[in-house]
């Protein structure tokens, strides 16, 4: 059973990485002829175990030491062309000492994110396998 579970997680991670590679990179707006604008984002970039965009929901699986809540993370939305990019940022560190091997699921509706139903969305976070693998 553990081997099947491990295989499924690896396949999902590979599919997630492949899907991200198929999207073009979004450039930041230029402020001068030769330098990109510096964009200050809150908190720290959050590595994710998995992400899914479905039925106008953005679903993320992230690491937790036992105390991570939705308010500890913030999705930063960048709009470009006919789509948007979500970058998940950790605002408050989880200092608890009971790591959850599977991590936790955090969900935002498109309405919460200020996105129109059916919007094209991509995720701009690095993927990290759960520590149990």
N, C-alpha and C. Protein backbone atom coordinates (compact mmCIF):
# COMPACT_ATOMS: atom_id res chain seq x y z
N UNK A 1 0.83 -1.20 0.00
CA UNK A 1 0.00 0.00 0.00
C UNK A 1 0.87 1.25 0.00
N UNK A 2 1.94 1.25 0.80
CA UNK A 2 2.83 2.40 0.85
C UNK A 2 3.48 2.65 -0.50
N UNK A 3 3.86 1.59 -1.20
CA UNK A 3 4.48 1.73 -2.51
C UNK A 3 3.51 2.36 -3.50
N UNK A 4 2.26 1.94 -3.49
CA UNK A 4 1.25 2.51 -4.37
C UNK A 4 1.04 3.99 -4.06
N UNK A 5 0.97 4.32 -2.79
CA UNK A 5 0.77 5.70 -2.36
C UNK A 5 1.96 6.55 -2.80
N UNK A 6 3.16 6.06 -2.59
CA UNK A 6 4.36 6.78 -3.00
C UNK A 6 4.36 7.00 -4.50
N UNK A 7 4.01 5.95 -5.26
CA UNK A 7 3.96 6.05 -6.71
C UNK A 7 2.95 7.12 -7.13
N UNK A 8 1.77 7.14 -6.53
CA UNK A 8 0.74 8.12 -6.87
C UNK A 8 1.21 9.54 -6.58
N UNK A 9 1.86 9.74 -5.45
CA UNK A 9 2.35 11.07 -5.09
C UNK A 9 3.41 11.52 -6.10
N UNK A 10 4.31 10.63 -6.46
CA UNK A 10 5.36 10.98 -7.43
C UNK A 10 4.76 11.31 -8.79
N UNK A 11 3.76 10.55 -9.22
CA UNK A 11 3.12 10.81 -10.51
C UNK A 11 2.42 12.17 -10.47
N UNK A 12 1.70 12.46 -9.39
CA UNK A 12 1.02 13.75 -9.27
C UNK A 12 2.02 14.90 -9.27
N UNK A 13 3.13 14.73 -8.55
CA UNK A 13 4.15 15.78 -8.52
C UNK A 13 4.74 15.99 -9.90
N UNK A 14 5.02 14.91 -10.62
CA UNK A 14 5.58 15.02 -11.98
C UNK A 14 4.59 15.70 -12.91
N UNK A 15 3.32 15.35 -12.81
CA UNK A 15 2.31 16.00 -13.65
C UNK A 15 2.19 17.48 -13.32
N UNK A 16 2.27 17.80 -12.05
CA UNK A 16 2.20 19.20 -11.63
C UNK A 16 3.37 19.99 -12.19
N UNK A 17 4.56 19.43 -12.13
CA UNK A 17 5.74 20.11 -12.65
C UNK A 17 5.67 20.24 -14.16
N UNK A 18 5.20 19.22 -14.83
CA UNK A 18 5.06 19.27 -16.28
C UNK A 18 4.06 20.34 -16.68
N UNK A 19 2.95 20.42 -15.95
CA UNK A 19 1.94 21.42 -16.25
C UNK A 19 2.47 22.83 -16.09
N UNK A 20 3.28 23.07 -15.08
CA UNK A 20 3.84 24.40 -14.86
C UNK A 20 4.82 24.76 -15.96
N UNK A 21 5.55 23.78 -16.47
CA UNK A 21 6.55 24.05 -17.49
C UNK A 21 5.90 24.45 -18.81
N UNK A 22 4.64 24.13 -19.02
CA UNK A 22 4.00 24.42 -20.29
C UNK A 22 3.47 25.84 -20.38
N UNK A 23 3.49 26.59 -19.29
CA UNK A 23 3.00 27.95 -19.30
C UNK A 23 4.14 28.94 -19.50
N UNK A 24 3.93 30.01 -20.23
CA UNK A 24 4.98 31.01 -20.39
C UNK A 24 5.20 31.76 -19.09
N UNK A 25 6.41 32.23 -18.90
CA UNK A 25 6.74 33.03 -17.73
C UNK A 25 6.10 34.40 -17.88
N UNK A 26 5.69 34.99 -16.77
CA UNK A 26 5.10 36.32 -16.79
C UNK A 26 6.18 37.32 -16.42
N UNK A 27 6.36 38.33 -17.24
CA UNK A 27 7.35 39.36 -16.97
C UNK A 27 6.73 40.46 -16.14
N UNK A 28 7.54 41.05 -15.27
CA UNK A 28 7.08 42.19 -14.51
C UNK A 28 7.10 43.42 -15.40
N UNK A 29 6.27 44.41 -15.09
CA UNK A 29 6.27 45.62 -15.90
C UNK A 29 7.63 46.32 -15.82
N UNK A 30 8.03 46.98 -16.89
CA UNK A 30 9.31 47.69 -16.94
C UNK A 30 9.11 49.13 -16.49
N UNK A 31 10.02 49.61 -15.65
CA UNK A 31 9.94 51.00 -15.20
C UNK A 31 10.90 51.88 -15.98
N UNK A 32 11.92 51.30 -16.57
CA UNK A 32 12.84 52.06 -17.41
C UNK A 32 13.22 51.17 -18.58
N UNK A 33 14.06 51.66 -19.46
CA UNK A 33 14.43 50.91 -20.63
C UNK A 33 15.22 49.65 -20.35
N UNK A 34 15.87 49.53 -19.18
CA UNK A 34 16.73 48.38 -18.98
C UNK A 34 16.64 47.72 -17.61
N UNK A 35 15.68 48.07 -16.79
CA UNK A 35 15.60 47.45 -15.47
C UNK A 35 14.16 47.08 -15.14
N UNK A 36 13.93 45.85 -14.62
CA UNK A 36 12.58 45.47 -14.22
C UNK A 36 12.18 46.15 -12.92
N UNK A 37 10.88 46.37 -12.75
CA UNK A 37 10.37 46.97 -11.52
C UNK A 37 10.53 45.99 -10.38
N UNK A 38 10.96 46.49 -9.24
CA UNK A 38 11.07 45.63 -8.06
C UNK A 38 9.70 45.54 -7.43
N UNK A 39 9.22 44.32 -7.20
CA UNK A 39 7.92 44.11 -6.59
C UNK A 39 8.13 43.49 -5.23
N UNK A 40 7.68 44.17 -4.22
CA UNK A 40 7.80 43.66 -2.86
C UNK A 40 6.60 42.79 -2.57
N UNK A 41 6.86 41.52 -2.20
CA UNK A 41 5.78 40.59 -1.85
C UNK A 41 5.86 40.32 -0.36
N UNK A 42 4.72 40.10 0.27
CA UNK A 42 4.70 39.84 1.70
C UNK A 42 5.26 38.45 2.03
N UNK A 43 5.80 38.30 3.24
CA UNK A 43 6.20 36.99 3.75
C UNK A 43 7.25 36.29 2.92
N UNK A 44 7.22 34.95 3.00
CA UNK A 44 8.19 34.09 2.31
C UNK A 44 7.48 33.23 1.27
N UNK A 45 8.18 32.97 0.17
CA UNK A 45 7.65 32.07 -0.85
C UNK A 45 7.44 30.69 -0.22
N UNK A 46 6.25 30.12 -0.41
CA UNK A 46 5.89 28.85 0.23
C UNK A 46 6.03 27.68 -0.74
N UNK A 47 6.94 26.74 -0.47
CA UNK A 47 6.96 25.52 -1.29
C UNK A 47 5.65 24.76 -1.05
N UNK A 48 5.11 24.17 -2.10
CA UNK A 48 3.84 23.45 -1.97
C UNK A 48 4.02 21.98 -2.33
N UNK A 49 3.18 21.12 -1.75
CA UNK A 49 3.20 19.70 -2.08
C UNK A 49 2.40 19.44 -3.35
N UNK A 50 1.33 20.21 -3.53
CA UNK A 50 0.48 20.06 -4.71
C UNK A 50 -0.43 21.27 -4.82
N UNK A 51 -0.99 21.47 -6.01
CA UNK A 51 -1.96 22.53 -6.23
C UNK A 51 -2.94 22.07 -7.30
N UNK A 52 -4.16 22.54 -7.18
CA UNK A 52 -5.18 22.23 -8.19
C UNK A 52 -6.06 23.46 -8.37
N UNK A 53 -6.39 23.74 -9.62
CA UNK A 53 -7.32 24.81 -9.93
C UNK A 53 -8.53 24.11 -10.56
N UNK A 54 -9.65 24.13 -9.85
CA UNK A 54 -10.82 23.40 -10.31
C UNK A 54 -12.10 24.04 -9.78
N UNK A 55 -13.12 24.08 -10.62
CA UNK A 55 -14.44 24.59 -10.22
C UNK A 55 -14.35 25.93 -9.53
N UNK A 56 -13.52 26.82 -10.08
CA UNK A 56 -13.34 28.17 -9.55
C UNK A 56 -12.83 28.16 -8.12
N UNK A 57 -11.98 27.17 -7.83
CA UNK A 57 -11.29 27.07 -6.54
C UNK A 57 -9.80 26.90 -6.80
N UNK A 58 -8.99 27.48 -5.91
CA UNK A 58 -7.54 27.24 -5.92
C UNK A 58 -7.24 26.44 -4.65
N UNK A 59 -6.75 25.21 -4.84
CA UNK A 59 -6.51 24.29 -3.74
C UNK A 59 -5.01 24.04 -3.64
N UNK A 60 -4.45 24.21 -2.44
CA UNK A 60 -3.03 24.00 -2.21
C UNK A 60 -2.83 23.02 -1.06
N UNK A 61 -1.78 22.19 -1.14
CA UNK A 61 -1.36 21.35 -0.04
C UNK A 61 0.02 21.84 0.39
N UNK A 62 0.12 22.26 1.66
CA UNK A 62 1.36 22.84 2.17
C UNK A 62 1.81 22.11 3.43
N UNK A 63 3.08 22.26 3.76
CA UNK A 63 3.62 21.67 5.00
C UNK A 63 3.01 22.35 6.21
N UNK A 64 2.93 21.60 7.30
CA UNK A 64 2.45 22.15 8.56
C UNK A 64 3.14 21.44 9.71
N UNK A 65 3.52 22.23 10.71
CA UNK A 65 4.06 21.66 11.95
C UNK A 65 2.95 21.49 12.98
N UNK A 66 1.70 21.58 12.54
CA UNK A 66 0.56 21.35 13.41
C UNK A 66 -0.28 22.58 13.69
N UNK A 67 0.19 23.76 13.30
CA UNK A 67 -0.55 24.99 13.61
C UNK A 67 -0.88 25.86 12.40
N UNK A 68 -0.52 25.43 11.21
CA UNK A 68 -0.78 26.25 10.03
C UNK A 68 -2.28 26.41 9.79
N UNK A 69 -2.69 27.65 9.58
CA UNK A 69 -4.08 27.97 9.25
C UNK A 69 -4.10 28.80 7.98
N UNK A 70 -5.25 28.93 7.39
CA UNK A 70 -5.39 29.68 6.14
C UNK A 70 -4.86 31.10 6.27
N UNK A 71 -5.10 31.75 7.40
CA UNK A 71 -4.66 33.13 7.61
C UNK A 71 -3.14 33.27 7.68
N UNK A 72 -2.41 32.15 7.83
CA UNK A 72 -0.94 32.18 7.88
C UNK A 72 -0.34 32.31 6.48
N UNK A 73 -1.17 32.15 5.46
CA UNK A 73 -0.71 32.20 4.07
C UNK A 73 -1.51 33.27 3.33
N UNK A 74 -0.89 33.83 2.31
CA UNK A 74 -1.61 34.78 1.48
C UNK A 74 -1.30 34.53 0.01
N UNK A 75 -2.33 34.47 -0.81
CA UNK A 75 -2.11 34.32 -2.25
C UNK A 75 -1.91 35.70 -2.88
N UNK A 76 -0.83 35.87 -3.61
CA UNK A 76 -0.57 37.11 -4.34
C UNK A 76 -0.95 36.86 -5.79
N UNK A 77 -1.82 37.70 -6.33
CA UNK A 77 -2.33 37.51 -7.68
C UNK A 77 -1.67 38.53 -8.61
N UNK A 78 -1.12 38.02 -9.72
CA UNK A 78 -0.59 38.88 -10.78
C UNK A 78 -1.39 38.59 -12.03
N UNK A 79 -1.91 39.65 -12.64
CA UNK A 79 -2.69 39.50 -13.86
C UNK A 79 -1.83 39.87 -15.06
N UNK A 80 -1.91 39.07 -16.11
CA UNK A 80 -1.17 39.34 -17.34
C UNK A 80 -1.96 38.76 -18.51
N UNK A 81 -2.22 39.56 -19.49
CA UNK A 81 -2.95 39.07 -20.66
C UNK A 81 -4.31 38.53 -20.27
N UNK A 82 -4.61 37.31 -20.70
CA UNK A 82 -5.91 36.71 -20.42
C UNK A 82 -5.88 35.73 -19.26
N UNK A 83 -4.83 35.77 -18.42
CA UNK A 83 -4.73 34.86 -17.28
C UNK A 83 -4.15 35.53 -16.06
N UNK A 84 -4.06 34.77 -15.00
CA UNK A 84 -3.50 35.26 -13.74
C UNK A 84 -2.54 34.22 -13.18
N UNK A 85 -1.61 34.68 -12.36
CA UNK A 85 -0.66 33.80 -11.68
C UNK A 85 -0.84 33.98 -10.18
N UNK A 86 -0.93 32.86 -9.46
CA UNK A 86 -1.02 32.89 -8.00
C UNK A 86 0.35 32.50 -7.45
N UNK A 87 0.86 33.32 -6.54
CA UNK A 87 2.08 32.99 -5.80
C UNK A 87 1.67 32.92 -4.33
N UNK A 88 1.77 31.75 -3.74
CA UNK A 88 1.38 31.56 -2.34
C UNK A 88 2.55 31.96 -1.44
N UNK A 89 2.28 32.84 -0.48
CA UNK A 89 3.32 33.36 0.43
C UNK A 89 2.93 33.03 1.88
N UNK A 90 3.91 32.64 2.69
CA UNK A 90 3.66 32.36 4.12
C UNK A 90 3.92 33.65 4.89
N UNK A 91 2.90 34.09 5.61
CA UNK A 91 2.98 35.33 6.39
C UNK A 91 3.43 35.04 7.81
N UNK A 92 2.87 33.99 8.43
CA UNK A 92 3.21 33.63 9.81
C UNK A 92 3.81 32.23 9.85
N UNK A 93 4.95 32.11 10.49
CA UNK A 93 5.64 30.82 10.61
C UNK A 93 4.87 29.88 11.53
N UNK A 94 4.88 28.61 11.20
CA UNK A 94 4.25 27.57 12.03
C UNK A 94 5.32 27.04 12.97
N UNK A 95 5.28 27.44 14.23
CA UNK A 95 6.32 27.07 15.20
C UNK A 95 5.92 25.88 16.08
N UNK A 96 4.82 25.24 15.77
CA UNK A 96 4.41 24.06 16.54
C UNK A 96 5.39 22.91 16.30
N UNK A 97 5.29 21.87 17.11
CA UNK A 97 6.26 20.77 17.01
C UNK A 97 5.59 19.42 16.73
N UNK A 98 4.48 19.42 16.01
CA UNK A 98 3.81 18.18 15.63
C UNK A 98 3.64 18.15 14.12
N UNK A 99 4.75 17.92 13.37
CA UNK A 99 4.66 17.93 11.90
C UNK A 99 3.60 16.97 11.38
N UNK A 100 2.89 17.42 10.38
CA UNK A 100 1.86 16.61 9.74
C UNK A 100 2.46 16.09 8.43
N UNK A 101 2.68 14.78 8.35
CA UNK A 101 3.36 14.16 7.21
C UNK A 101 2.68 14.51 5.88
N UNK A 102 1.38 14.57 5.85
CA UNK A 102 0.64 14.85 4.62
C UNK A 102 0.49 16.34 4.36
N UNK A 103 0.86 17.19 5.33
CA UNK A 103 0.61 18.62 5.19
C UNK A 103 -0.87 18.90 5.39
N UNK A 104 -1.30 20.09 4.98
CA UNK A 104 -2.72 20.43 5.10
C UNK A 104 -3.21 21.03 3.78
N UNK A 105 -4.51 20.96 3.59
CA UNK A 105 -5.16 21.50 2.40
C UNK A 105 -5.72 22.88 2.74
N UNK A 106 -5.41 23.85 1.87
CA UNK A 106 -5.93 25.21 2.02
C UNK A 106 -6.65 25.55 0.72
N UNK A 107 -7.87 26.12 0.82
CA UNK A 107 -8.68 26.41 -0.36
C UNK A 107 -9.11 27.87 -0.37
N UNK A 108 -8.97 28.49 -1.54
CA UNK A 108 -9.51 29.82 -1.78
C UNK A 108 -10.45 29.75 -2.96
N UNK A 109 -11.59 30.41 -2.86
CA UNK A 109 -12.49 30.51 -4.02
C UNK A 109 -11.97 31.62 -4.93
N UNK A 110 -12.34 31.56 -6.21
CA UNK A 110 -11.96 32.62 -7.13
C UNK A 110 -12.51 33.96 -6.64
N UNK A 111 -13.69 33.93 -6.04
CA UNK A 111 -14.29 35.15 -5.52
C UNK A 111 -13.38 35.77 -4.45
N UNK A 112 -12.87 34.94 -3.52
CA UNK A 112 -11.94 35.44 -2.49
C UNK A 112 -10.68 36.03 -3.10
N UNK A 113 -10.25 35.45 -4.23
CA UNK A 113 -9.02 35.89 -4.88
C UNK A 113 -9.24 37.07 -5.83
N UNK A 114 -10.48 37.47 -6.01
CA UNK A 114 -10.78 38.57 -6.92
C UNK A 114 -10.68 38.16 -8.38
N UNK A 115 -10.90 36.87 -8.66
CA UNK A 115 -10.82 36.35 -10.03
C UNK A 115 -12.23 36.07 -10.56
N UNK A 116 -12.41 36.28 -11.84
CA UNK A 116 -13.70 35.97 -12.47
C UNK A 116 -13.86 34.46 -12.58
N UNK A 117 -15.07 33.94 -12.48
CA UNK A 117 -15.30 32.51 -12.69
C UNK A 117 -14.76 32.08 -14.05
N UNK A 118 -14.11 30.93 -14.08
CA UNK A 118 -13.57 30.39 -15.32
C UNK A 118 -12.24 30.99 -15.76
N UNK A 119 -11.65 31.86 -14.94
CA UNK A 119 -10.38 32.49 -15.30
C UNK A 119 -9.28 31.47 -15.49
N UNK A 120 -8.35 31.77 -16.41
CA UNK A 120 -7.15 30.95 -16.57
C UNK A 120 -6.18 31.32 -15.46
N UNK A 121 -5.67 30.31 -14.75
CA UNK A 121 -4.80 30.55 -13.60
C UNK A 121 -3.64 29.58 -13.64
N UNK A 122 -2.46 30.08 -13.27
CA UNK A 122 -1.30 29.21 -13.09
C UNK A 122 -0.71 29.50 -11.71
N UNK A 123 0.10 28.56 -11.22
CA UNK A 123 0.69 28.66 -9.89
C UNK A 123 2.18 28.88 -10.04
N UNK A 124 2.74 29.79 -9.24
CA UNK A 124 4.14 30.16 -9.34
C UNK A 124 4.91 29.80 -8.06
N UNK A 125 4.68 28.62 -7.53
CA UNK A 125 5.39 28.17 -6.33
C UNK A 125 6.22 26.94 -6.65
N UNK A 126 7.34 26.78 -5.96
CA UNK A 126 8.11 25.55 -6.15
C UNK A 126 7.38 24.37 -5.50
N UNK A 127 7.53 23.20 -6.10
CA UNK A 127 6.93 21.99 -5.54
C UNK A 127 7.95 21.28 -4.65
N UNK A 128 7.47 20.75 -3.54
CA UNK A 128 8.32 20.04 -2.59
C UNK A 128 7.56 18.78 -2.16
N UNK A 129 8.21 17.63 -2.29
CA UNK A 129 7.57 16.40 -1.85
C UNK A 129 7.40 16.41 -0.35
N UNK A 130 6.35 15.79 0.17
CA UNK A 130 6.16 15.69 1.62
C UNK A 130 7.35 14.99 2.26
N UNK A 131 7.69 15.32 3.51
CA UNK A 131 8.85 14.74 4.17
C UNK A 131 8.76 13.23 4.38
N UNK A 132 7.58 12.62 4.26
CA UNK A 132 7.43 11.19 4.51
C UNK A 132 7.97 10.33 3.37
N UNK A 133 8.34 10.96 2.25
CA UNK A 133 8.83 10.20 1.10
C UNK A 133 10.33 10.11 1.14
